[in-house]
């Protein structure tokens, strides 16, 4: 389990990158899960499918944007 949402999203992006690279070579998603992802990340097949459906890059950008805005605000305490 991830320590926070940002780390979870980074993990999802890594998995999605692995899948995209393997799909370019013509591999099936089941083969990618069984041979590349499950051994390294120890996740179930349903979690793998859920991770592929998340737009993690966009969510990471939103989190970074919110953190940047929070730093710009004046803090009194």
N, C-alpha and C. Protein backbone atom coordinates (compact mmCIF):
# COMPACT_ATOMS: atom_id res chain seq x y z
N UNK A 1 0.84 -1.18 0.00
CA UNK A 1 0.00 0.00 0.00
C UNK A 1 0.89 1.25 0.00
N UNK A 2 0.42 2.25 -0.67
CA UNK A 2 1.20 3.47 -0.82
C UNK A 2 1.12 4.32 0.45
N UNK A 3 2.16 5.09 0.69
CA UNK A 3 2.21 5.95 1.86
C UNK A 3 1.23 7.11 1.74
N UNK A 4 1.12 7.68 0.57
CA UNK A 4 0.14 8.73 0.34
C UNK A 4 -0.32 8.66 -1.11
N UNK A 5 -1.28 9.49 -1.45
CA UNK A 5 -1.86 9.42 -2.78
C UNK A 5 -0.85 9.74 -3.88
N UNK A 6 0.06 10.65 -3.60
CA UNK A 6 1.06 11.02 -4.59
C UNK A 6 1.95 9.83 -4.94
N UNK A 7 2.38 9.08 -3.93
CA UNK A 7 3.21 7.91 -4.18
C UNK A 7 2.43 6.82 -4.92
N UNK A 8 1.16 6.65 -4.58
CA UNK A 8 0.33 5.68 -5.28
C UNK A 8 0.20 6.06 -6.75
N UNK A 9 -0.01 7.32 -7.04
CA UNK A 9 -0.13 7.76 -8.43
C UNK A 9 1.17 7.58 -9.19
N UNK A 10 2.30 7.79 -8.54
CA UNK A 10 3.60 7.55 -9.19
C UNK A 10 3.76 6.08 -9.53
N UNK A 11 3.34 5.21 -8.63
CA UNK A 11 3.39 3.77 -8.86
C UNK A 11 2.50 3.39 -10.05
N UNK A 12 1.33 3.98 -10.12
CA UNK A 12 0.40 3.71 -11.22
C UNK A 12 1.01 4.17 -12.54
N UNK A 13 1.64 5.32 -12.55
CA UNK A 13 2.29 5.82 -13.77
C UNK A 13 3.39 4.86 -14.21
N UNK A 14 4.17 4.33 -13.28
CA UNK A 14 5.22 3.37 -13.61
C UNK A 14 4.61 2.12 -14.27
N UNK A 15 3.54 1.60 -13.70
CA UNK A 15 2.90 0.42 -14.26
C UNK A 15 2.34 0.72 -15.64
N UNK A 16 1.70 1.88 -15.80
CA UNK A 16 1.15 2.25 -17.10
C UNK A 16 2.25 2.40 -18.15
N UNK A 17 3.41 2.90 -17.76
CA UNK A 17 4.53 3.03 -18.68
C UNK A 17 5.04 1.66 -19.13
N UNK A 18 5.12 0.72 -18.19
CA UNK A 18 5.53 -0.64 -18.52
C UNK A 18 4.55 -1.26 -19.52
N UNK A 19 3.27 -1.06 -19.27
CA UNK A 19 2.23 -1.64 -20.14
C UNK A 19 2.31 -1.02 -21.53
N UNK A 20 2.46 0.29 -21.62
CA UNK A 20 2.53 0.94 -22.93
C UNK A 20 3.74 0.46 -23.73
N UNK A 21 4.87 0.32 -23.06
CA UNK A 21 6.08 -0.15 -23.76
C UNK A 21 5.90 -1.58 -24.26
N UNK A 22 5.30 -2.43 -23.45
CA UNK A 22 5.11 -3.82 -23.85
C UNK A 22 4.03 -3.95 -24.93
N UNK A 23 3.01 -3.09 -24.87
CA UNK A 23 1.95 -3.13 -25.88
C UNK A 23 2.51 -2.72 -27.25
N UNK A 24 3.49 -1.82 -27.27
CA UNK A 24 4.11 -1.43 -28.54
C UNK A 24 4.83 -2.60 -29.20
N UNK A 25 5.34 -3.52 -28.36
CA UNK A 25 6.00 -4.70 -28.88
C UNK A 25 5.02 -5.80 -29.24
N UNK A 26 3.72 -5.59 -28.95
CA UNK A 26 2.69 -6.55 -29.34
C UNK A 26 2.30 -7.55 -28.27
N UNK A 27 2.63 -7.31 -27.04
CA UNK A 27 2.30 -8.24 -25.96
C UNK A 27 0.85 -8.03 -25.50
N UNK A 28 0.23 -9.10 -25.06
CA UNK A 28 -1.13 -9.03 -24.53
C UNK A 28 -1.10 -8.55 -23.09
N UNK A 29 -2.20 -7.94 -22.64
CA UNK A 29 -2.22 -7.39 -21.29
C UNK A 29 -2.12 -8.48 -20.23
N UNK A 30 -2.68 -9.65 -20.47
CA UNK A 30 -2.59 -10.74 -19.51
C UNK A 30 -1.13 -11.18 -19.37
N UNK A 31 -0.41 -11.28 -20.48
CA UNK A 31 1.01 -11.66 -20.43
C UNK A 31 1.81 -10.59 -19.69
N UNK A 32 1.51 -9.33 -19.97
CA UNK A 32 2.23 -8.23 -19.30
C UNK A 32 2.02 -8.32 -17.80
N UNK A 33 0.77 -8.56 -17.38
CA UNK A 33 0.50 -8.65 -15.95
C UNK A 33 1.25 -9.83 -15.33
N UNK A 34 1.13 -11.00 -15.93
CA UNK A 34 1.71 -12.22 -15.35
C UNK A 34 3.24 -12.22 -15.34
N UNK A 35 3.86 -11.65 -16.37
CA UNK A 35 5.31 -11.76 -16.49
C UNK A 35 6.09 -10.51 -16.08
N UNK A 36 5.49 -9.36 -16.14
CA UNK A 36 6.22 -8.13 -15.85
C UNK A 36 5.75 -7.43 -14.58
N UNK A 37 4.45 -7.33 -14.40
CA UNK A 37 3.91 -6.49 -13.32
C UNK A 37 3.75 -7.25 -12.01
N UNK A 38 3.15 -8.42 -12.03
CA UNK A 38 2.82 -9.11 -10.78
C UNK A 38 4.07 -9.47 -9.97
N UNK A 39 5.13 -9.84 -10.62
CA UNK A 39 6.35 -10.21 -9.89
C UNK A 39 7.01 -9.01 -9.24
N UNK A 40 6.92 -7.86 -9.87
CA UNK A 40 7.60 -6.67 -9.35
C UNK A 40 6.75 -5.90 -8.34
N UNK A 41 5.45 -5.77 -8.60
CA UNK A 41 4.60 -4.91 -7.76
C UNK A 41 3.69 -5.66 -6.81
N UNK A 42 3.54 -6.97 -6.97
CA UNK A 42 2.75 -7.81 -6.07
C UNK A 42 1.32 -7.28 -5.91
N UNK A 43 0.64 -7.07 -7.03
CA UNK A 43 -0.74 -6.62 -7.01
C UNK A 43 -1.61 -7.67 -7.70
N UNK A 44 -2.90 -7.66 -7.38
CA UNK A 44 -3.81 -8.61 -8.00
C UNK A 44 -4.17 -8.14 -9.41
N UNK A 45 -4.80 -9.04 -10.15
CA UNK A 45 -5.17 -8.71 -11.52
C UNK A 45 -6.26 -7.65 -11.55
N UNK A 46 -7.17 -7.67 -10.59
CA UNK A 46 -8.22 -6.64 -10.56
C UNK A 46 -7.63 -5.27 -10.22
N UNK A 47 -6.65 -5.23 -9.33
CA UNK A 47 -5.97 -3.97 -9.02
C UNK A 47 -5.22 -3.46 -10.25
N UNK A 48 -4.57 -4.36 -10.96
CA UNK A 48 -3.87 -4.03 -12.20
C UNK A 48 -4.83 -3.39 -13.20
N UNK A 49 -5.99 -3.99 -13.38
CA UNK A 49 -6.98 -3.43 -14.31
C UNK A 49 -7.49 -2.07 -13.83
N UNK A 50 -7.67 -1.92 -12.53
CA UNK A 50 -8.10 -0.63 -12.00
C UNK A 50 -7.03 0.44 -12.22
N UNK A 51 -5.77 0.08 -12.04
CA UNK A 51 -4.68 1.03 -12.25
C UNK A 51 -4.62 1.50 -13.70
N UNK A 52 -4.92 0.61 -14.63
CA UNK A 52 -4.88 0.99 -16.03
C UNK A 52 -6.01 1.95 -16.40
N UNK A 53 -7.06 1.98 -15.61
CA UNK A 53 -8.19 2.86 -15.92
C UNK A 53 -8.06 4.25 -15.30
N UNK A 54 -7.05 4.47 -14.47
CA UNK A 54 -6.87 5.75 -13.79
C UNK A 54 -6.00 6.68 -14.63
N UNK A 55 -6.41 7.94 -14.73
CA UNK A 55 -5.60 8.94 -15.42
C UNK A 55 -4.65 9.56 -14.38
N UNK A 56 -3.60 8.82 -14.06
CA UNK A 56 -2.70 9.18 -12.96
C UNK A 56 -1.87 10.42 -13.26
N UNK A 57 -1.45 10.61 -14.50
CA UNK A 57 -0.63 11.77 -14.84
C UNK A 57 -1.40 13.06 -14.60
N UNK A 58 -2.67 13.08 -14.97
CA UNK A 58 -3.48 14.28 -14.77
C UNK A 58 -3.68 14.54 -13.28
N UNK A 59 -3.94 13.49 -12.51
CA UNK A 59 -4.14 13.67 -11.08
C UNK A 59 -2.87 14.14 -10.39
N UNK A 60 -1.71 13.65 -10.83
CA UNK A 60 -0.44 14.13 -10.27
C UNK A 60 -0.24 15.61 -10.57
N UNK A 61 -0.59 16.02 -11.78
CA UNK A 61 -0.48 17.44 -12.13
C UNK A 61 -1.39 18.29 -11.25
N UNK A 62 -2.60 17.80 -10.98
CA UNK A 62 -3.52 18.56 -10.12
C UNK A 62 -2.99 18.67 -8.70
N UNK A 63 -2.43 17.59 -8.18
CA UNK A 63 -1.87 17.61 -6.83
C UNK A 63 -0.70 18.58 -6.76
N UNK A 64 0.18 18.53 -7.75
CA UNK A 64 1.32 19.45 -7.79
C UNK A 64 0.86 20.90 -7.87
N UNK A 65 -0.17 21.14 -8.67
CA UNK A 65 -0.71 22.49 -8.82
C UNK A 65 -1.30 22.99 -7.49
N UNK A 66 -2.02 22.13 -6.78
CA UNK A 66 -2.59 22.51 -5.49
C UNK A 66 -1.50 22.79 -4.46
N UNK A 67 -0.45 21.97 -4.46
CA UNK A 67 0.66 22.20 -3.53
C UNK A 67 1.37 23.51 -3.84
N UNK A 68 1.52 23.82 -5.11
CA UNK A 68 2.16 25.07 -5.52
C UNK A 68 1.33 26.27 -5.08
N UNK A 69 0.02 26.19 -5.25
CA UNK A 69 -0.85 27.28 -4.82
C UNK A 69 -0.84 27.43 -3.31
N UNK A 70 -0.75 26.32 -2.61
CA UNK A 70 -0.73 26.36 -1.15
C UNK A 70 0.55 27.05 -0.66
N UNK A 71 1.66 26.84 -1.35
CA UNK A 71 2.92 27.49 -0.97
C UNK A 71 2.87 29.00 -1.21
N UNK A 72 2.10 29.42 -2.19
CA UNK A 72 2.01 30.83 -2.53
C UNK A 72 1.17 31.62 -1.53
N UNK A 73 0.26 30.90 -0.85
CA UNK A 73 -0.63 31.59 0.09
C UNK A 73 0.15 32.05 1.32
N UNK A 74 -0.31 33.15 1.86
CA UNK A 74 0.29 33.70 3.06
C UNK A 74 -0.20 32.90 4.27
N UNK A 75 0.73 32.39 5.05
CA UNK A 75 0.36 31.65 6.24
C UNK A 75 0.60 32.51 7.46
N UNK A 76 -0.39 32.56 8.35
CA UNK A 76 -0.27 33.36 9.55
C UNK A 76 0.31 32.56 10.72
N UNK A 77 0.07 31.29 10.74
CA UNK A 77 0.54 30.47 11.85
C UNK A 77 1.39 29.35 11.38
